[in-house]
C-alpha atoms as a PDB file:
ATOM      1  CA  MET A   1      -1.777  19.045   8.024  1.00  0.00           C
ATOM      2  CA  ALA A   2       1.520  18.338   9.799  1.00  0.00           C
ATOM      3  CA  LYS A   3       1.572  18.685  13.578  1.00  0.00           C
ATOM      4  CA  ASN A   4       4.193  18.722  16.297  1.00  0.00           C
ATOM      5  CA  PHE A   5       4.110  15.786  18.677  1.00  0.00           C
ATOM      6  CA  GLU A   6       5.992  15.062  21.871  1.00  0.00           C
ATOM      7  CA  ALA A   7       6.353  11.299  21.571  1.00  0.00           C
ATOM      8  CA  GLU A   8       7.641   8.977  24.269  1.00  0.00           C
ATOM      9  CA  ILE A   9      10.330   6.517  23.250  1.00  0.00           C
ATOM     10  CA  LEU A  10       9.190   2.966  23.984  1.00  0.00           C
ATOM     11  CA  SER A  11      12.313   1.307  22.612  1.00  0.00           C
ATOM     12  CA  ASN A  12      15.385   2.194  20.575  1.00  0.00           C
ATOM     13  CA  GLU A  13      17.362  -0.911  19.734  1.00  0.00           C
ATOM     14  CA  GLU A  14      20.006  -2.036  17.271  1.00  0.00           C
ATOM     15  CA  VAL A  15      18.525  -4.755  15.046  1.00  0.00           C
ATOM     16  CA  ALA A  16      21.530  -5.168  12.723  1.00  0.00           C
ATOM     17  CA  GLU A  17      24.959  -3.595  12.488  1.00  0.00           C
ATOM     18  CA  LYS A  18      24.393   0.183  12.718  1.00  0.00           C
ATOM     19  CA  ILE A  19      20.660  -0.209  11.981  1.00  0.00           C
ATOM     20  CA  PHE A  20      18.221   0.818  14.710  1.00  0.00           C
ATOM     21  CA  ARG A  21      14.492   0.372  15.266  1.00  0.00           C
ATOM     22  CA  LEU A  22      12.873   3.279  17.114  1.00  0.00           C
ATOM     23  CA  THR A  23       9.368   2.736  18.519  1.00  0.00           C
ATOM     24  CA  LEU A  24       7.346   5.711  19.743  1.00  0.00           C
ATOM     25  CA  ALA A  25       4.073   6.022  21.629  1.00  0.00           C
ATOM     26  CA  ALA A  26       2.286   8.394  19.248  1.00  0.00           C
ATOM     27  CA  PRO A  27      -1.367   7.368  18.743  1.00  0.00           C
ATOM     28  CA  GLU A  28      -2.477  10.657  17.175  1.00  0.00           C
ATOM     29  CA  LEU A  29       0.407  10.636  14.693  1.00  0.00           C
ATOM     30  CA  ALA A  30      -0.314   6.989  13.895  1.00  0.00           C
ATOM     31  CA  GLU A  31      -3.963   7.838  13.267  1.00  0.00           C
ATOM     32  CA  ILE A  32      -3.259  10.577  10.692  1.00  0.00           C
ATOM     33  CA  SER A  33      -0.357   8.857   8.911  1.00  0.00           C
ATOM     34  CA  ARG A  34      -0.518   7.101   5.540  1.00  0.00           C
ATOM     35  CA  ALA A  35       1.858   4.469   4.197  1.00  0.00           C
ATOM     36  CA  GLY A  36       4.688   6.275   2.415  1.00  0.00           C
ATOM     37  CA  GLN A  37       4.736   9.396   4.570  1.00  0.00           C
ATOM     38  CA  PHE A  38       7.622  10.497   6.798  1.00  0.00           C
ATOM     39  CA  VAL A  39       8.406  12.578   9.874  1.00  0.00           C
ATOM     40  CA  GLN A  40      11.006  15.186  10.797  1.00  0.00           C
ATOM     41  CA  VAL A  41      12.685  14.299  14.104  1.00  0.00           C
ATOM     42  CA  LYS A  42      14.280  16.926  16.344  1.00  0.00           C
ATOM     43  CA  ILE A  43      17.187  15.058  17.889  1.00  0.00           C
ATOM     44  CA  SER A  44      18.360  17.736  20.342  1.00  0.00           C
ATOM     45  CA  ASP A  45      19.086  21.458  20.591  1.00  0.00           C
ATOM     46  CA  GLU A  46      22.630  20.671  19.471  1.00  0.00           C
ATOM     47  CA  PHE A  47      21.356  20.036  15.931  1.00  0.00           C
ATOM     48  CA  THR A  48      19.645  22.872  14.066  1.00  0.00           C
ATOM     49  CA  LEU A  49      18.071  20.701  11.398  1.00  0.00           C
ATOM     50  CA  ARG A  50      15.633  17.881  11.996  1.00  0.00           C
ATOM     51  CA  ARG A  51      16.226  14.450  10.490  1.00  0.00           C
ATOM     52  CA  PRO A  52      13.701  13.088   7.927  1.00  0.00           C
ATOM     53  CA  LEU A  53      12.785   9.462   8.678  1.00  0.00           C
ATOM     54  CA  GLY A  54      10.217   7.251   6.981  1.00  0.00           C
ATOM     55  CA  ILE A  55       7.272   5.844   8.913  1.00  0.00           C
ATOM     56  CA  ALA A  56       7.607   2.055   8.964  1.00  0.00           C
ATOM     57  CA  SER A  57       4.589   1.123  11.078  1.00  0.00           C
ATOM     58  CA  THR A  58       1.587   2.693  12.778  1.00  0.00           C
ATOM     59  CA  ALA A  59       0.065  -0.449  14.279  1.00  0.00           C
ATOM     60  CA  GLY A  60      -1.507  -0.182  17.706  1.00  0.00           C
ATOM     61  CA  GLY A  61      -0.919   3.554  17.995  1.00  0.00           C
ATOM     62  CA  ARG A  62       2.836   3.043  17.953  1.00  0.00           C
ATOM     63  CA  VAL A  63       5.003   4.649  15.306  1.00  0.00           C
ATOM     64  CA  LYS A  64       7.964   2.538  14.256  1.00  0.00           C
ATOM     65  CA  ILE A  65      10.970   4.077  12.504  1.00  0.00           C
ATOM     66  CA  PHE A  66      14.176   2.488  11.206  1.00  0.00           C
ATOM     67  CA  TYR A  67      17.403   4.430  10.736  1.00  0.00           C
ATOM     68  CA  ARG A  68      21.022   3.741   9.923  1.00  0.00           C
ATOM     69  CA  LEU A  69      23.819   5.194  12.056  1.00  0.00           C
ATOM     70  CA  VAL A  70      25.726   7.374   9.576  1.00  0.00           C
ATOM     71  CA  GLY A  71      26.817  10.528  11.415  1.00  0.00           C
ATOM     72  CA  ARG A  72      26.667  12.627  14.570  1.00  0.00           C
ATOM     73  CA  GLY A  73      22.918  13.146  14.355  1.00  0.00           C
ATOM     74  CA  THR A  74      21.940   9.496  14.100  1.00  0.00           C
ATOM     75  CA  GLU A  75      24.641   8.574  16.616  1.00  0.00           C
ATOM     76  CA  ASN A  76      23.036  10.965  19.085  1.00  0.00           C
ATOM     77  CA  LEU A  77      19.614   9.506  18.286  1.00  0.00           C
ATOM     78  CA  SER A  78      20.892   5.967  18.858  1.00  0.00           C
ATOM     79  CA  LYS A  79      21.744   6.902  22.469  1.00  0.00           C
ATOM     80  CA  LYS A  80      18.176   7.907  23.338  1.00  0.00           C
ATOM     81  CA  LYS A  81      16.601   5.686  25.978  1.00  0.00           C
ATOM     82  CA  SER A  82      13.126   4.368  26.710  1.00  0.00           C
ATOM     83  CA  GLY A  83      11.074   6.960  28.560  1.00  0.00           C
ATOM     84  CA  GLU A  84      12.730   9.944  26.913  1.00  0.00           C
ATOM     85  CA  ARG A  85      10.669  12.115  24.588  1.00  0.00           C
ATOM     86  CA  LEU A  86      11.265  13.299  21.036  1.00  0.00           C
ATOM     87  CA  ASN A  87       9.695  16.212  19.215  1.00  0.00           C
ATOM     88  CA  ILE A  88       8.245  14.884  15.961  1.00  0.00           C
ATOM     89  CA  LEU A  89       6.845  16.891  13.044  1.00  0.00           C
ATOM     90  CA  GLY A  90       4.474  14.864  10.876  1.00  0.00           C
ATOM     91  CA  ALA A  91       2.973  13.262   9.050  1.00  0.00           C
ATOM     92  CA  LEU A  92       4.685  14.807   6.016  1.00  0.00           C
ATOM     93  CA  GLY A  93       4.507  14.280   2.262  1.00  0.00           C
ATOM     94  CA  ASN A  94       2.023  12.167   0.374  1.00  0.00           C
ATOM     95  CA  GLY A  95       1.441   8.427   0.520  1.00  0.00           C
ATOM     96  CA  PHE A  96       1.057   5.435  -1.758  1.00  0.00           C
ATOM     97  CA  SER A  97      -2.139   5.280  -3.802  1.00  0.00           C
ATOM     98  CA  PRO A  98      -5.026   3.192  -2.449  1.00  0.00           C
ATOM     99  CA  CYS A  99      -5.186  -0.240  -4.041  1.00  0.00           C
ATOM    100  CA  ASN A 100      -7.710  -3.039  -3.505  1.00  0.00           C
ATOM    101  CA  ARG A 101      -5.789  -5.735  -5.372  1.00  0.00           C
ATOM    102  CA  LYS A 102      -2.504  -7.454  -4.588  1.00  0.00           C
ATOM    103  CA  ILE A 103       0.675  -5.435  -5.086  1.00  0.00           C
ATOM    104  CA  LEU A 104       4.387  -6.228  -5.100  1.00  0.00           C
ATOM    105  CA  LEU A 105       6.682  -4.285  -2.782  1.00  0.00           C
ATOM    106  CA  VAL A 106      10.325  -4.075  -3.889  1.00  0.00           C
ATOM    107  CA  GLY A 107      12.897  -2.502  -1.611  1.00  0.00           C
ATOM    108  CA  GLY A 108      16.592  -2.265  -1.006  1.00  0.00           C
ATOM    109  CA  GLY A 109      18.373  -1.380   2.228  1.00  0.00           C
ATOM    110  CA  MET A 110      16.654   1.232   4.375  1.00  0.00           C
ATOM    111  CA  GLY A 111      14.201   1.820   1.539  1.00  0.00           C
ATOM    112  CA  LEU A 112      12.245  -1.097   2.959  1.00  0.00           C
ATOM    113  CA  ALA A 113      10.980   1.047   5.848  1.00  0.00           C
ATOM    114  CA  PRO A 114       8.056   2.809   4.080  1.00  0.00           C
ATOM    115  CA  LEU A 115       7.238  -0.446   2.291  1.00  0.00           C
ATOM    116  CA  LEU A 116       6.726  -2.149   5.661  1.00  0.00           C
ATOM    117  CA  CYS A 117       4.021   0.393   6.433  1.00  0.00           C
ATOM    118  CA  ALA A 118       2.480  -0.352   3.029  1.00  0.00           C
ATOM    119  CA  ALA A 119       2.534  -4.065   3.862  1.00  0.00           C
ATOM    120  CA  GLU A 120       0.402  -3.326   6.929  1.00  0.00           C
ATOM    121  CA  ASN A 121      -2.216  -1.633   4.784  1.00  0.00           C
ATOM    122  CA  TYR A 122      -2.314  -3.554   1.494  1.00  0.00           C
ATOM    123  CA  SER A 123      -2.519  -7.120   0.263  1.00  0.00           C
ATOM    124  CA  ALA A 124       1.086  -7.648  -0.819  1.00  0.00           C
ATOM    125  CA  ASP A 125       4.157  -9.748  -1.439  1.00  0.00           C
ATOM    126  CA  VAL A 126       7.628  -8.308  -0.876  1.00  0.00           C
ATOM    127  CA  LEU A 127      10.963  -8.602  -2.651  1.00  0.00           C
ATOM    128  CA  ILE A 128      13.783  -7.701  -0.253  1.00  0.00           C
ATOM    129  CA  GLY A 129      17.277  -6.795  -1.429  1.00  0.00           C
ATOM    130  CA  GLY A 130      20.347  -6.251   0.735  1.00  0.00           C
ATOM    131  CA  ARG A 131      24.113  -6.441   0.685  1.00  0.00           C
ATOM    132  CA  THR A 132      24.487  -9.221   3.259  1.00  0.00           C
ATOM    133  CA  SER A 133      22.431 -11.607   5.379  1.00  0.00           C
ATOM    134  CA  ASP A 134      22.684  -9.179   8.300  1.00  0.00           C
ATOM    135  CA  GLU A 135      20.821  -6.560   6.248  1.00  0.00           C
ATOM    136  CA  VAL A 136      17.878  -8.748   5.223  1.00  0.00           C
ATOM    137  CA  ILE A 137      17.085 -11.234   8.007  1.00  0.00           C
ATOM    138  CA  PHE A 138      15.601  -8.671  10.390  1.00  0.00           C
ATOM    139  CA  TRP A 139      13.512  -7.239   7.534  1.00  0.00           C
ATOM    140  CA  GLN A 140      12.221 -10.715   6.781  1.00  0.00           C
ATOM    141  CA  GLU A 141      10.964 -11.011  10.353  1.00  0.00           C
ATOM    142  CA  GLU A 142       9.366  -7.556  10.227  1.00  0.00           C
ATOM    143  CA  PHE A 143       7.476  -8.306   6.998  1.00  0.00           C
ATOM    144  CA  ARG A 144       6.502 -11.886   7.800  1.00  0.00           C
ATOM    145  CA  PRO A 145       3.215 -11.089   9.659  1.00  0.00           C
ATOM    146  CA  HIS A 146       2.006  -8.704   6.938  1.00  0.00           C
ATOM    147  CA  VAL A 147       2.684 -10.295   3.535  1.00  0.00           C
ATOM    148  CA  GLU A 148       1.851 -13.555   1.784  1.00  0.00           C
ATOM    149  CA  LYS A 149       5.213 -14.244   0.121  1.00  0.00           C
ATOM    150  CA  ILE A 150       8.746 -13.018   0.787  1.00  0.00           C
ATOM    151  CA  PHE A 151      11.493 -13.081  -1.843  1.00  0.00           C
ATOM    152  CA  ILE A 152      15.067 -12.209  -0.847  1.00  0.00           C
ATOM    153  CA  THR A 153      18.357 -11.458  -2.578  1.00  0.00           C
ATOM    154  CA  THR A 154      21.764 -10.602  -1.149  1.00  0.00           C
ATOM    155  CA  ASP A 155      24.624  -9.056  -3.097  1.00  0.00           C
ATOM    156  CA  ASP A 156      27.169 -11.483  -1.622  1.00  0.00           C
ATOM    157  CA  GLY A 157      24.957 -14.586  -1.653  1.00  0.00           C
ATOM    158  CA  SER A 158      25.208 -14.999   2.125  1.00  0.00           C
ATOM    159  CA  TYR A 159      21.433 -15.509   2.385  1.00  0.00           C
ATOM    160  CA  ALA A 160      18.736 -16.615  -0.083  1.00  0.00           C
ATOM    161  CA  LYS A 161      19.400 -15.850  -3.764  1.00  0.00           C
ATOM    162  CA  LYS A 162      22.661 -14.184  -4.783  1.00  0.00           C
ATOM    163  CA  GLY A 163      22.274 -11.011  -6.824  1.00  0.00           C
ATOM    164  CA  PHE A 164      20.216  -7.858  -6.834  1.00  0.00           C
ATOM    165  CA  ALA A 165      16.462  -7.454  -6.359  1.00  0.00           C
ATOM    166  CA  ILE A 166      16.109  -6.375  -9.993  1.00  0.00           C
ATOM    167  CA  ASP A 167      17.648  -9.706 -11.093  1.00  0.00           C
ATOM    168  CA  LEU A 168      14.917 -11.727  -9.398  1.00  0.00           C
ATOM    169  CA  LEU A 169      12.065  -9.397 -10.328  1.00  0.00           C
ATOM    170  CA  PRO A 170      11.194 -10.919 -13.758  1.00  0.00           C
ATOM    171  CA  GLU A 171      10.821 -14.364 -12.176  1.00  0.00           C
ATOM    172  CA  VAL A 172       8.601 -12.988  -9.399  1.00  0.00           C
ATOM    173  CA  LEU A 173       6.403 -11.079 -11.846  1.00  0.00           C
ATOM    174  CA  SER A 174       5.954 -14.117 -14.086  1.00  0.00           C
ATOM    175  CA  ALA A 175       4.615 -16.209 -11.204  1.00  0.00           C
ATOM    176  CA  GLU A 176       1.716 -13.937 -10.167  1.00  0.00           C
ATOM    177  CA  ASN A 177      -0.522 -11.192 -11.508  1.00  0.00           C
ATOM    178  CA  TYR A 178       0.147  -8.078  -9.445  1.00  0.00           C
ATOM    179  CA  SER A 179      -1.897  -4.916  -9.806  1.00  0.00           C
ATOM    180  CA  ALA A 180       1.044  -2.557  -9.143  1.00  0.00           C
ATOM    181  CA  ILE A 181       4.600  -2.252  -7.862  1.00  0.00           C
ATOM    182  CA  PHE A 182       5.636   0.033  -5.010  1.00  0.00           C
ATOM    183  CA  THR A 183       9.378   0.497  -4.628  1.00  0.00           C
ATOM    184  CA  CYS A 184      11.904   2.368  -2.487  1.00  0.00           C
ATOM    185  CA  GLY A 185      15.679   2.163  -2.349  1.00  0.00           C
ATOM    186  CA  PRO A 186      18.707   3.297  -4.368  1.00  0.00           C
ATOM    187  CA  GLU A 187      17.632   5.357  -7.368  1.00  0.00           C
ATOM    188  CA  ILE A 188      19.424   3.098  -9.842  1.00  0.00           C
ATOM    189  CA  MET A 189      17.451   0.132  -8.472  1.00  0.00           C
ATOM    190  CA  MET A 190      14.124   1.986  -8.668  1.00  0.00           C
ATOM    191  CA  ARG A 191      14.851   3.096 -12.223  1.00  0.00           C
ATOM    192  CA  GLY A 192      15.406  -0.502 -13.330  1.00  0.00           C
ATOM    193  CA  ILE A 193      12.293  -1.707 -11.529  1.00  0.00           C
ATOM    194  CA  ALA A 194      10.183   1.072 -12.997  1.00  0.00           C
ATOM    195  CA  LYS A 195      11.442   0.318 -16.507  1.00  0.00           C
ATOM    196  CA  LEU A 196      10.509  -3.350 -16.159  1.00  0.00           C
ATOM    197  CA  ALA A 197       7.110  -2.373 -14.749  1.00  0.00           C
ATOM    198  CA  LYS A 198       6.527  -0.171 -17.807  1.00  0.00           C
ATOM    199  CA  GLU A 199       7.393  -3.086 -20.109  1.00  0.00           C
ATOM    200  CA  LYS A 200       4.866  -5.239 -18.217  1.00  0.00           C
ATOM    201  CA  ASN A 201       2.268  -2.439 -18.318  1.00  0.00           C
ATOM    202  CA  LEU A 202       2.166  -2.382 -14.511  1.00  0.00           C
ATOM    203  CA  PRO A 203       1.562   0.819 -12.532  1.00  0.00           C
ATOM    204  CA  CYS A 204       4.652   1.663 -10.492  1.00  0.00           C
ATOM    205  CA  GLU A 205       5.085   4.138  -7.650  1.00  0.00           C
ATOM    206  CA  VAL A 206       8.521   5.098  -6.341  1.00  0.00           C
ATOM    207  CA  SER A 207       9.458   6.549  -2.973  1.00  0.00           C
ATOM    208  CA  PHE A 208      12.328   9.014  -3.301  1.00  0.00           C
ATOM    209  CA  GLU A 209      14.939   9.481  -0.596  1.00  0.00           C
ATOM    210  CA  LYS A 210      16.526  12.944  -0.650  1.00  0.00           C
ATOM    211  CA  ARG A 211      18.258  15.206   1.843  1.00  0.00           C
ATOM    212  CA  MET A 212      15.598  17.463   3.331  1.00  0.00           C
ATOM    213  CA  ALA A 213      16.192  20.513   5.493  1.00  0.00           C
ATOM    214  CA  CYS A 214      12.688  21.746   6.302  1.00  0.00           C
ATOM    215  CA  GLY A 215      10.379  18.924   5.179  1.00  0.00           C
ATOM    216  CA  LEU A 216       7.692  21.487   4.321  1.00  0.00           C
ATOM    217  CA  GLY A 217       8.684  22.586   0.805  1.00  0.00           C
ATOM    218  CA  ALA A 218      10.166  25.938   1.830  1.00  0.00           C
ATOM    219  CA  CYS A 219      13.919  25.459   1.420  1.00  0.00           C
ATOM    220  CA  LEU A 220      13.934  23.726  -2.015  1.00  0.00           C
ATOM    221  CA  SER A 221      16.860  21.502  -0.991  1.00  0.00           C
ATOM    222  CA  CYS A 222      15.079  18.331  -2.168  1.00  0.00           C
ATOM    223  CA  SER A 223      13.848  19.558  -5.564  1.00  0.00           C
ATOM    224  CA  ILE A 224      13.905  17.164  -8.525  1.00  0.00           C
ATOM    225  CA  ASP A 225      12.996  17.395 -12.209  1.00  0.00           C
ATOM    226  CA  THR A 226       9.817  15.587 -13.283  1.00  0.00           C
ATOM    227  CA  ALA A 227       7.648  15.344 -16.378  1.00  0.00           C
ATOM    228  CA  ARG A 228       5.457  18.005 -14.769  1.00  0.00           C
ATOM    229  CA  GLY A 229       8.291  20.384 -13.979  1.00  0.00           C
ATOM    230  CA  ARG A 230      10.367  20.969 -10.873  1.00  0.00           C
ATOM    231  CA  LYS A 231       8.919  19.244  -7.797  1.00  0.00           C
ATOM    232  CA  LYS A 232       9.843  19.062  -4.116  1.00  0.00           C
ATOM    233  CA  VAL A 233      10.274  15.556  -2.734  1.00  0.00           C
ATOM    234  CA  CYS A 234       9.183  16.560   0.770  1.00  0.00           C
ATOM    235  CA  LYS A 235       5.931  18.231  -0.277  1.00  0.00           C
ATOM    236  CA  ASP A 236       5.011  16.829  -3.709  1.00  0.00           C
ATOM    237  CA  GLY A 237       6.431  13.397  -2.825  1.00  0.00           C
ATOM    238  CA  PRO A 238       8.108  11.398  -1.530  1.00  0.00           C
ATOM    239  CA  ILE A 239       5.822   9.089  -3.569  1.00  0.00           C
ATOM    240  CA  PHE A 240       5.755   9.676  -7.319  1.00  0.00           C
ATOM    241  CA  ASP A 241       4.368   7.845 -10.321  1.00  0.00           C
ATOM    242  CA  ALA A 242       7.476   6.333 -11.915  1.00  0.00           C
ATOM    243  CA  LYS A 243       6.502   7.754 -15.316  1.00  0.00           C
ATOM    244  CA  GLU A 244       6.789  11.277 -13.895  1.00  0.00           C
ATOM    245  CA  VAL A 245      10.338  10.986 -12.575  1.00  0.00           C
ATOM    246  CA  PHE A 246      12.178   8.600 -14.908  1.00  0.00           C
ATOM    247  CA  ASP A 247      12.913   9.502 -18.534  1.00  0.00           C
ATOM    248  CA  TYR A 248      13.100   6.132 -20.257  1.00  0.00           C
ATOM    249  CA  GLU A 249      13.747   7.657 -23.661  1.00  0.00           C
ATOM    250  CA  SER A 250      17.078   9.048 -22.463  1.00  0.00           C
ATOM    251  CA  ASP A 251      18.051   5.530 -21.345  1.00  0.00           C
ATOM    252  CA  ASN A 252      17.711   4.280 -24.940  1.00  0.00           C
ATOM    253  CA  PRO A 253      21.143   4.345 -26.633  1.00  0.00           C
ATOM    254  CA  GLU A 254      19.465   4.727 -30.041  1.00  0.00           C
ATOM    255  CA  ASN A 255      18.121   8.156 -29.084  1.00  0.00           C
END
């Protein structure tokens, strides 16, 4: 059950252009969290709504969160200093399924945050996609202690292999037998990854990113259509079996 925590900020630093890493002293929250879950952060009394942010790490009783500066709320958050406290509601949503065999994590942009937490808890390799070198190098360093292999693509070719993560995925899958794929990032990327996973008969779980007002399933602002009817990303997700949320038949031009 979600709880309110008053967490002390240990650090809040910019790790790439407009991308920040927030580290909180929150041992109880770290203890109850699962990879794939998220928190709702109260930035200040100036903002009525909390901000939903994925949990990227729970190691050592510290909760690590990454966020991109995109508006007044995250700009205000970026100005918070070490020693200040934040009110955190969590842990919210479900998590990735337990898995005893090696998995492949595939993420793009800020979608890599919940996958980092998965890397701490599973035997895994990771495929990192980003627009530029600035967007992937810091992720490479974050994942390095927790995974066996790291594969990287950049849209502009400024680092590693030029292209999108989905372009490199067939080559990665052909080199090793993975038990499942966990993915988070732009929906169009996850759809392509999930379709390839289906063709390879690999289980695939996707982490959806939606605007959330309450984070508790009350406001319905994050509802999506699934094979099992209308679901709320904040309460029924954010982790879903790819087969439940992507209609592959509608992608077939012959239908």
